Amino acid sequence: MLTRSERGKVCSAARMLEMLEFRFGAFEALAYASIELARNAPESQLPMSRLTAEAILEFGDDLRQVNQALAPEPS
């Protein structure tokens, strides 16, 4: 994740949080897949445990809430 511009200026905390939220989508996709697979497959065959998947989804929700809280108010 690039945290500096070409001129060396550090990205704002809000911009870094936004980038983290988008990158976190890959983990959420795995978590959703694990939860879906858990309906038909034993946990030993899943990419991650159901508890881990649920924790990842909860963390993703928290990331989005923080990002929304930092977003500027529409005028």
PDB file of N, CA and C in Angstrom:
ATOM      1  N   MET A   1       0.854  -1.165   0.000  1.00  0.00           N
ATOM      2  CA  MET A   1       0.000   0.000   0.000  1.00  0.00           C
ATOM      3  C   MET A   1       0.900   1.228   0.000  1.00  0.00           C
ATOM      4  N   LEU A   2       0.756   2.046  -1.008  1.00  0.00           N
ATOM      5  CA  LEU A   2       1.553   3.259  -1.082  1.00  0.00           C
ATOM      6  C   LEU A   2       0.987   4.295  -0.122  1.00  0.00           C
ATOM      7  N   THR A   3       1.812   4.737   0.798  1.00  0.00           N
ATOM      8  CA  THR A   3       1.357   5.709   1.787  1.00  0.00           C
ATOM      9  C   THR A   3       1.955   7.090   1.563  1.00  0.00           C
ATOM     10  N   ARG A   4       2.748   7.213   0.510  1.00  0.00           N
ATOM     11  CA  ARG A   4       3.353   8.505   0.177  1.00  0.00           C
ATOM     12  C   ARG A   4       3.101   8.826  -1.292  1.00  0.00           C
ATOM     13  N   SER A   5       2.960  10.105  -1.581  1.00  0.00           N
ATOM     14  CA  SER A   5       2.802  10.534  -2.968  1.00  0.00           C
ATOM     15  C   SER A   5       4.165  10.501  -3.651  1.00  0.00           C
ATOM     16  N   GLU A   6       4.187  10.784  -4.951  1.00  0.00           N
ATOM     17  CA  GLU A   6       5.455  10.809  -5.681  1.00  0.00           C
ATOM     18  C   GLU A   6       6.398  11.870  -5.128  1.00  0.00           C
ATOM     19  N   ARG A   7       5.841  12.886  -4.530  1.00  0.00           N
ATOM     20  CA  ARG A   7       6.653  13.956  -3.938  1.00  0.00           C
ATOM     21  C   ARG A   7       7.101  13.645  -2.515  1.00  0.00           C
ATOM     22  N   GLY A   8       6.698  12.492  -1.988  1.00  0.00           N
ATOM     23  CA  GLY A   8       7.110  12.090  -0.652  1.00  0.00           C
ATOM     24  C   GLY A   8       6.159  12.495   0.451  1.00  0.00           C
ATOM     25  N   LYS A   9       5.044  13.150   0.092  1.00  0.00           N
ATOM     26  CA  LYS A   9       4.079  13.572   1.101  1.00  0.00           C
ATOM     27  C   LYS A   9       3.279  12.359   1.582  1.00  0.00           C
ATOM     28  N   VAL A  10       3.124  12.232   2.892  1.00  0.00           N
ATOM     29  CA  VAL A  10       2.397  11.110   3.489  1.00  0.00           C
ATOM     30  C   VAL A  10       0.893  11.313   3.277  1.00  0.00           C
ATOM     31  N   CYS A  11       0.208  10.222   2.915  1.00  0.00           N
ATOM     32  CA  CYS A  11      -1.246  10.271   2.751  1.00  0.00           C
ATOM     33  C   CYS A  11      -1.901  10.596   4.089  1.00  0.00           C
ATOM     34  N   SER A  12      -3.077  11.175   4.016  1.00  0.00           N
ATOM     35  CA  SER A  12      -3.817  11.460   5.249  1.00  0.00           C
ATOM     36  C   SER A  12      -4.268  10.150   5.890  1.00  0.00           C
ATOM     37  N   ALA A  13      -4.542  10.207   7.173  1.00  0.00           N
ATOM     38  CA  ALA A  13      -5.021   9.021   7.895  1.00  0.00           C
ATOM     39  C   ALA A  13      -6.340   8.535   7.301  1.00  0.00           C
ATOM     40  N   ALA A  14      -7.199   9.461   6.899  1.00  0.00           N
ATOM     41  CA  ALA A  14      -8.479   9.078   6.308  1.00  0.00           C
ATOM     42  C   ALA A  14      -8.260   8.335   4.995  1.00  0.00           C
ATOM     43  N   ARG A  15      -7.305   8.791   4.174  1.00  0.00           N
ATOM     44  CA  ARG A  15      -7.024   8.133   2.897  1.00  0.00           C
ATOM     45  C   ARG A  15      -6.444   6.737   3.135  1.00  0.00           C
ATOM     46  N   MET A  16      -5.549   6.602   4.106  1.00  0.00           N
ATOM     47  CA  MET A  16      -4.980   5.285   4.411  1.00  0.00           C
ATOM     48  C   MET A  16      -6.059   4.329   4.919  1.00  0.00           C
ATOM     49  N   LEU A  17      -6.980   4.837   5.728  1.00  0.00           N
ATOM     50  CA  LEU A  17      -8.080   4.012   6.217  1.00  0.00           C
ATOM     51  C   LEU A  17      -8.962   3.566   5.057  1.00  0.00           C
ATOM     52  N   GLU A  18      -9.209   4.458   4.106  1.00  0.00           N
ATOM     53  CA  GLU A  18     -10.001   4.111   2.932  1.00  0.00           C
ATOM     54  C   GLU A  18      -9.308   3.001   2.124  1.00  0.00           C
ATOM     55  N   MET A  19      -7.997   3.118   1.936  1.00  0.00           N
ATOM     56  CA  MET A  19      -7.252   2.096   1.203  1.00  0.00           C
ATOM     57  C   MET A  19      -7.301   0.761   1.941  1.00  0.00           C
ATOM     58  N   LEU A  20      -7.170   0.803   3.261  1.00  0.00           N
ATOM     59  CA  LEU A  20      -7.226  -0.417   4.063  1.00  0.00           C
ATOM     60  C   LEU A  20      -8.589  -1.079   3.942  1.00  0.00           C
ATOM     61  N   GLU A  21      -9.638  -0.282   3.958  1.00  0.00           N
ATOM     62  CA  GLU A  21     -10.992  -0.822   3.830  1.00  0.00           C
ATOM     63  C   GLU A  21     -11.152  -1.564   2.505  1.00  0.00           C
ATOM     64  N   PHE A  22     -10.658  -0.986   1.410  1.00  0.00           N
ATOM     65  CA  PHE A  22     -10.779  -1.640   0.109  1.00  0.00           C
ATOM     66  C   PHE A  22      -9.937  -2.910   0.049  1.00  0.00           C
ATOM     67  N   ARG A  23      -8.734  -2.882   0.584  1.00  0.00           N
ATOM     68  CA  ARG A  23      -7.876  -4.074   0.570  1.00  0.00           C
ATOM     69  C   ARG A  23      -8.436  -5.184   1.447  1.00  0.00           C
ATOM     70  N   PHE A  24      -9.143  -4.805   2.484  1.00  0.00           N
ATOM     71  CA  PHE A  24      -9.704  -5.786   3.402  1.00  0.00           C
ATOM     72  C   PHE A  24     -10.785  -6.621   2.726  1.00  0.00           C
ATOM     73  N   GLY A  25     -11.292  -6.160   1.604  1.00  0.00           N
ATOM     74  CA  GLY A  25     -12.336  -6.876   0.878  1.00  0.00           C
ATOM     75  C   GLY A  25     -11.959  -8.311   0.537  1.00  0.00           C
ATOM     76  N   ALA A  26     -10.685  -8.566   0.269  1.00  0.00           N
ATOM     77  CA  ALA A  26     -10.241  -9.930  -0.047  1.00  0.00           C
ATOM     78  C   ALA A  26     -10.457 -10.861   1.149  1.00  0.00           C
ATOM     79  N   PHE A  27     -10.168 -10.380   2.346  1.00  0.00           N
ATOM     80  CA  PHE A  27     -10.384 -11.193   3.545  1.00  0.00           C
ATOM     81  C   PHE A  27     -11.874 -11.437   3.754  1.00  0.00           C
ATOM     82  N   GLU A  28     -12.669 -10.413   3.484  1.00  0.00           N
ATOM     83  CA  GLU A  28     -14.115 -10.582   3.634  1.00  0.00           C
ATOM     84  C   GLU A  28     -14.652 -11.613   2.644  1.00  0.00           C
ATOM     85  N   ALA A  29     -14.141 -11.617   1.431  1.00  0.00           N
ATOM     86  CA  ALA A  29     -14.578 -12.600   0.438  1.00  0.00           C
ATOM     87  C   ALA A  29     -14.276 -14.019   0.930  1.00  0.00           C
ATOM     88  N   LEU A  30     -13.079 -14.220   1.489  1.00  0.00           N
ATOM     89  CA  LEU A  30     -12.741 -15.535   2.048  1.00  0.00           C
ATOM     90  C   LEU A  30     -13.652 -15.892   3.222  1.00  0.00           C
ATOM     91  N   ALA A  31     -13.954 -14.899   4.039  1.00  0.00           N
ATOM     92  CA  ALA A  31     -14.817 -15.142   5.193  1.00  0.00           C
ATOM     93  C   ALA A  31     -16.219 -15.546   4.741  1.00  0.00           C
ATOM     94  N   TYR A  32     -16.772 -14.823   3.771  1.00  0.00           N
ATOM     95  CA  TYR A  32     -18.101 -15.190   3.257  1.00  0.00           C
ATOM     96  C   TYR A  32     -18.088 -16.592   2.658  1.00  0.00           C
ATOM     97  N   ALA A  33     -17.045 -16.913   1.903  1.00  0.00           N
ATOM     98  CA  ALA A  33     -16.936 -18.238   1.297  1.00  0.00           C
ATOM     99  C   ALA A  33     -16.869 -19.316   2.377  1.00  0.00           C
ATOM    100  N   SER A  34     -16.111 -19.064   3.424  1.00  0.00           N
ATOM    101  CA  SER A  34     -15.990 -20.039   4.517  1.00  0.00           C
ATOM    102  C   SER A  34     -17.328 -20.274   5.195  1.00  0.00           C
ATOM    103  N   ILE A  35     -18.074 -19.206   5.410  1.00  0.00           N
ATOM    104  CA  ILE A  35     -19.379 -19.351   6.065  1.00  0.00           C
ATOM    105  C   ILE A  35     -20.336 -20.139   5.174  1.00  0.00           C
ATOM    106  N   GLU A  36     -20.307 -19.860   3.879  1.00  0.00           N
ATOM    107  CA  GLU A  36     -21.158 -20.610   2.948  1.00  0.00           C
ATOM    108  C   GLU A  36     -20.752 -22.085   2.905  1.00  0.00           C
ATOM    109  N   LEU A  37     -19.451 -22.346   2.824  1.00  0.00           N
ATOM    110  CA  LEU A  37     -18.976 -23.730   2.775  1.00  0.00           C
ATOM    111  C   LEU A  37     -19.252 -24.480   4.069  1.00  0.00           C
ATOM    112  N   ALA A  38     -19.301 -23.770   5.189  1.00  0.00           N
ATOM    113  CA  ALA A  38     -19.518 -24.408   6.488  1.00  0.00           C
ATOM    114  C   ALA A  38     -20.875 -25.103   6.556  1.00  0.00           C
ATOM    115  N   ARG A  39     -21.781 -24.718   5.683  1.00  0.00           N
ATOM    116  CA  ARG A  39     -23.095 -25.359   5.675  1.00  0.00           C
ATOM    117  C   ARG A  39     -23.036 -26.796   5.161  1.00  0.00           C
ATOM    118  N   ASN A  40     -22.002 -27.099   4.341  1.00  0.00           N
ATOM    119  CA  ASN A  40     -21.942 -28.416   3.708  1.00  0.00           C
ATOM    120  C   ASN A  40     -20.646 -29.176   3.937  1.00  0.00           C
ATOM    121  N   ALA A  41     -19.627 -28.531   4.440  1.00  0.00           N
ATOM    122  CA  ALA A  41     -18.320 -29.179   4.577  1.00  0.00           C
ATOM    123  C   ALA A  41     -17.870 -29.140   6.039  1.00  0.00           C
ATOM    124  N   PRO A  42     -17.071 -30.117   6.438  1.00  0.00           N
ATOM    125  CA  PRO A  42     -16.518 -30.079   7.798  1.00  0.00           C
ATOM    126  C   PRO A  42     -15.534 -28.914   7.944  1.00  0.00           C
ATOM    127  N   GLU A  43     -15.430 -28.404   9.140  1.00  0.00           N
ATOM    128  CA  GLU A  43     -14.584 -27.232   9.382  1.00  0.00           C
ATOM    129  C   GLU A  43     -13.131 -27.468   9.006  1.00  0.00           C
ATOM    130  N   SER A  44     -12.673 -28.705   9.096  1.00  0.00           N
ATOM    131  CA  SER A  44     -11.278 -29.007   8.751  1.00  0.00           C
ATOM    132  C   SER A  44     -10.981 -28.753   7.269  1.00  0.00           C
ATOM    133  N   GLN A  45     -12.011 -28.683   6.433  1.00  0.00           N
ATOM    134  CA  GLN A  45     -11.816 -28.456   5.004  1.00  0.00           C
ATOM    135  C   GLN A  45     -12.037 -26.996   4.595  1.00  0.00           C
ATOM    136  N   LEU A  46     -12.341 -26.144   5.534  1.00  0.00           N
ATOM    137  CA  LEU A  46     -12.620 -24.737   5.241  1.00  0.00           C
ATOM    138  C   LEU A  46     -11.330 -23.914   5.196  1.00  0.00           C
ATOM    139  N   PRO A  47     -11.319 -22.812   4.429  1.00  0.00           N
ATOM    140  CA  PRO A  47     -10.130 -21.963   4.397  1.00  0.00           C
ATOM    141  C   PRO A  47      -9.829 -21.310   5.751  1.00  0.00           C
ATOM    142  N   MET A  48     -10.871 -21.151   6.578  1.00  0.00           N
ATOM    143  CA  MET A  48     -10.692 -20.605   7.929  1.00  0.00           C
ATOM    144  C   MET A  48     -11.865 -21.063   8.782  1.00  0.00           C
ATOM    145  N   SER A  49     -11.707 -20.996  10.082  1.00  0.00           N
ATOM    146  CA  SER A  49     -12.796 -21.420  10.964  1.00  0.00           C
ATOM    147  C   SER A  49     -13.957 -20.423  10.866  1.00  0.00           C
ATOM    148  N   ARG A  50     -15.120 -20.918  11.231  1.00  0.00           N
ATOM    149  CA  ARG A  50     -16.306 -20.044  11.196  1.00  0.00           C
ATOM    150  C   ARG A  50     -16.146 -18.867  12.155  1.00  0.00           C
ATOM    151  N   LEU A  51     -15.551 -19.092  13.325  1.00  0.00           N
ATOM    152  CA  LEU A  51     -15.343 -17.994  14.284  1.00  0.00           C
ATOM    153  C   LEU A  51     -14.409 -16.933  13.713  1.00  0.00           C
ATOM    154  N   THR A  52     -13.353 -17.362  13.034  1.00  0.00           N
ATOM    155  CA  THR A  52     -12.435 -16.419  12.405  1.00  0.00           C
ATOM    156  C   THR A  52     -13.151 -15.634  11.319  1.00  0.00           C
ATOM    157  N   ALA A  53     -13.952 -16.327  10.517  1.00  0.00           N
ATOM    158  CA  ALA A  53     -14.696 -15.673   9.445  1.00  0.00           C
ATOM    159  C   ALA A  53     -15.646 -14.621  10.004  1.00  0.00           C
ATOM    160  N   GLU A  54     -16.344 -14.960  11.067  1.00  0.00           N
ATOM    161  CA  GLU A  54     -17.269 -14.002  11.679  1.00  0.00           C
ATOM    162  C   GLU A  54     -16.520 -12.805  12.263  1.00  0.00           C
ATOM    163  N   ALA A  55     -15.350 -13.040  12.851  1.00  0.00           N
ATOM    164  CA  ALA A  55     -14.546 -11.938  13.393  1.00  0.00           C
ATOM    165  C   ALA A  55     -14.058 -11.014  12.272  1.00  0.00           C
ATOM    166  N   ILE A  56     -13.675 -11.592  11.139  1.00  0.00           N
ATOM    167  CA  ILE A  56     -13.235 -10.791   9.996  1.00  0.00           C
ATOM    168  C   ILE A  56     -14.375  -9.924   9.488  1.00  0.00           C
ATOM    169  N   LEU A  57     -15.570 -10.494   9.374  1.00  0.00           N
ATOM    170  CA  LEU A  57     -16.717  -9.721   8.901  1.00  0.00           C
ATOM    171  C   LEU A  57     -17.066  -8.600   9.878  1.00  0.00           C
ATOM    172  N   GLU A  58     -16.963  -8.877  11.169  1.00  0.00           N
ATOM    173  CA  GLU A  58     -17.227  -7.841  12.175  1.00  0.00           C
ATOM    174  C   GLU A  58     -16.184  -6.722  12.081  1.00  0.00           C
ATOM    175  N   PHE A  59     -14.925  -7.085  11.897  1.00  0.00           N
ATOM    176  CA  PHE A  59     -13.874  -6.088  11.755  1.00  0.00           C
ATOM    177  C   PHE A  59     -14.102  -5.236  10.502  1.00  0.00           C
ATOM    178  N   GLY A  60     -14.536  -5.871   9.409  1.00  0.00           N
ATOM    179  CA  GLY A  60     -14.848  -5.129   8.190  1.00  0.00           C
ATOM    180  C   GLY A  60     -15.946  -4.110   8.423  1.00  0.00           C
ATOM    181  N   ASP A  61     -16.969  -4.492   9.174  1.00  0.00           N
ATOM    182  CA  ASP A  61     -18.035  -3.550   9.524  1.00  0.00           C
ATOM    183  C   ASP A  61     -17.480  -2.379  10.331  1.00  0.00           C
ATOM    184  N   ASP A  62     -16.585  -2.687  11.277  1.00  0.00           N
ATOM    185  CA  ASP A  62     -15.970  -1.628  12.084  1.00  0.00           C
ATOM    186  C   ASP A  62     -15.152  -0.678  11.215  1.00  0.00           C
ATOM    187  N   LEU A  63     -14.394  -1.226  10.254  1.00  0.00           N
ATOM    188  CA  LEU A  63     -13.614  -0.380   9.347  1.00  0.00           C
ATOM    189  C   LEU A  63     -14.516   0.575   8.573  1.00  0.00           C
ATOM    190  N   ARG A  64     -15.619   0.060   8.060  1.00  0.00           N
ATOM    191  CA  ARG A  64     -16.536   0.915   7.294  1.00  0.00           C
ATOM    192  C   ARG A  64     -17.155   1.991   8.180  1.00  0.00           C
ATOM    193  N   GLN A  65     -17.492   1.653   9.420  1.00  0.00           N
ATOM    194  CA  GLN A  65     -18.071   2.642  10.327  1.00  0.00           C
ATOM    195  C   GLN A  65     -17.078   3.761  10.625  1.00  0.00           C
ATOM    196  N   VAL A  66     -15.827   3.404  10.867  1.00  0.00           N
ATOM    197  CA  VAL A  66     -14.803   4.413  11.138  1.00  0.00           C
ATOM    198  C   VAL A  66     -14.587   5.291   9.910  1.00  0.00           C
ATOM    199  N   ASN A  67     -14.533   4.656   8.740  1.00  0.00           N
ATOM    200  CA  ASN A  67     -14.330   5.414   7.510  1.00  0.00           C
ATOM    201  C   ASN A  67     -15.488   6.387   7.286  1.00  0.00           C
ATOM    202  N   GLN A  68     -16.719   5.964   7.550  1.00  0.00           N
ATOM    203  CA  GLN A  68     -17.872   6.847   7.414  1.00  0.00           C
ATOM    204  C   GLN A  68     -17.825   7.973   8.428  1.00  0.00           C
ATOM    205  N   ALA A  69     -17.369   7.674   9.641  1.00  0.00           N
ATOM    206  CA  ALA A  69     -17.290   8.701  10.675  1.00  0.00           C
ATOM    207  C   ALA A  69     -16.264   9.786  10.315  1.00  0.00           C
ATOM    208  N   LEU A  70     -15.228   9.393   9.580  1.00  0.00           N
ATOM    209  CA  LEU A  70     -14.196  10.348   9.184  1.00  0.00           C
ATOM    210  C   LEU A  70     -14.529  11.103   7.898  1.00  0.00           C
ATOM    211  N   ALA A  71     -15.546  10.621   7.180  1.00  0.00           N
ATOM    212  CA  ALA A  71     -15.904  11.262   5.902  1.00  0.00           C
ATOM    213  C   ALA A  71     -16.436  12.670   6.187  1.00  0.00           C
ATOM    214  N   PRO A  72     -16.073  13.606   5.319  1.00  0.00           N
ATOM    215  CA  PRO A  72     -16.573  14.980   5.513  1.00  0.00           C
ATOM    216  C   PRO A  72     -18.084  15.033   5.331  1.00  0.00           C
ATOM    217  N   GLU A  73     -18.696  15.939   6.067  1.00  0.00           N
ATOM    218  CA  GLU A  73     -20.138  16.146   5.978  1.00  0.00           C
ATOM    219  C   GLU A  73     -20.501  16.710   4.604  1.00  0.00           C
ATOM    220  N   PRO A  74     -21.547  16.167   3.960  1.00  0.00           N
ATOM    221  CA  PRO A  74     -21.940  16.745   2.654  1.00  0.00           C
ATOM    222  C   PRO A  74     -22.527  18.140   2.876  1.00  0.00           C
ATOM    223  N   SER A  75     -22.226  19.046   1.947  1.00  0.00           N
ATOM    224  CA  SER A  75     -22.708  20.422   2.112  1.00  0.00           C
ATOM    225  C   SER A  75     -23.946  20.667   1.321  1.00  0.00           C
TER     226      SER A  75
END
